[in-house]
Amino acid sequence: MRFDVADEGFCETARQWLAALEDNTLADLEAVFAASPGYYPTTLCSLWRIELERRGLTACPRPRPKRRNRLRAIPVSHPQDYDWRFTDQTARDLTRCAVADLAAGDTIVHVGTPSTFAVGICDHTDYRHVLVDRNTAMADALAEDGHCPDDVVCVDVVSAEPPLLAAAAAILDPPWYLGDTLAFLAAASRSCREGALLWLCQPTLAARPGVDDERTVIRAELPALGLEPAGLHAAAVRYRMPHFEAMSLRLVAADLPVPPDWRTGDLLVLRKMGALQAPATAALQEGSWHEVRFGPVRIKLRAAGGRKNLGALVPEDVLDTVSRRDPVREYVGLWTSGNRVYSLSDLHTISKLIARCDADLKDMTFSAARTRRHARQLGLPRRTAQKLFDLLLVELQEHLYLEGA
């Protein structure tokens, strides 16, 4: 992404990695992605093309990969949740690692990892599995599916403490930022008993500049967290590309056949050795959001100081990055699960309008005319109603396409 290519040292490391590939691997972009230690697709492909030209090679033609189905029992990912879910194979592997050598009845806590929680409750029923996740939409969906409230704990570990579980193992996948990682580690340490293994997912050194420095800080903080290092598995974790990330890549690199499991991470293994002694470094707080649904589409709203409802913030209304470092995020008041962003001046009225449109969708009466009628009753202008209708329609079409893909 644009933040990576601005770091010349980081780019030089990527160029050296590409230069070390054999010709037959370099010519096959699918093979390059499979071998990649985690470079962002646009960063990787821009440097890959330069290396192809330097060697005088021609790329092998490859069909665009098909998107894999998401887990259907839980809501789609939303970018504000930093919700990347594991591939099926990674979820199985991580869960199998976590339960290895445990006794029947032991507890495994899944911190921000609904994918491994789903595998655990289906395939490893001799153990108790507890999901700790701040995503209220996730918790509500699992509750509706019949899961025990004690096994789905909806709490933001950045600002609140999870329950004491005396867990024998933990799987953690925090947002890939230092403050969040330390907060997740503190939460898992609190939830686990002495001797428990913690399986922590982290960005590879190729994910972005500065990851190595973050690892140094994490290692220095482990004693205060009551933890010690127990192993490292490089590039052992794979993720399924969420819809919102696919939208960003479509905007900036529509011609690239990016594999749906291109994102990889390292797996750090830690052992709980003592009591949690110090609070974690504070993670970034992004303010509170109000969520509404329109069918499968998740829409987050907040009072972000906007002076216009559904005002444009970026070209084509889609964020071209999924990074927290993007300065546009500060001004986002309405944010869809398809990564479309707008300013917002009237949270409550727009929320009511979306709720009425959702009711119409359930009744199979959703239309532009009814949306305009609702807007008129709520005191919103016709142009706002039309823009919202167009937005909801395109998001619905995209999400239904993903469900059927």
Foldseek 3Di string as FASTA:
>chain_A
DVQFVVDVVLLVVLLVVLVPDDPVQLLEVVSVLVPDLFADVVSNVVSSVVVCVVVVHHHDDDDQDDADADPPLAAADALVQLQWAFDLVQLVVVLCVQCPPPDFAAEEEEESYVSNLVCCVVPPVSYQYAYEGQDPRRLVSVVVVPDDCRRYHRDQLLVDADDAAQGQEYEYEFNQDLQRQQSRLLNVLRNHHAFHKYKYWHAACNNHPPRVVSVVVVQVCQVLSQKHWDDKARQSTWTFAGLQLVLLCCVVPVPDSDDRGSGTTMITMMGRHDHNHDHTDRDDDLDDWDWDDQVSKIKTFDQLPDPDAFAAQDVVQADNDSDPPPPSSSQFGIAIRNRGTGHHDDRVLVRVLSNVLSVCVVVVNRDLVVLQVSCVVSVHDSVSSNVVSVVSVVVVVVVVVSNVD
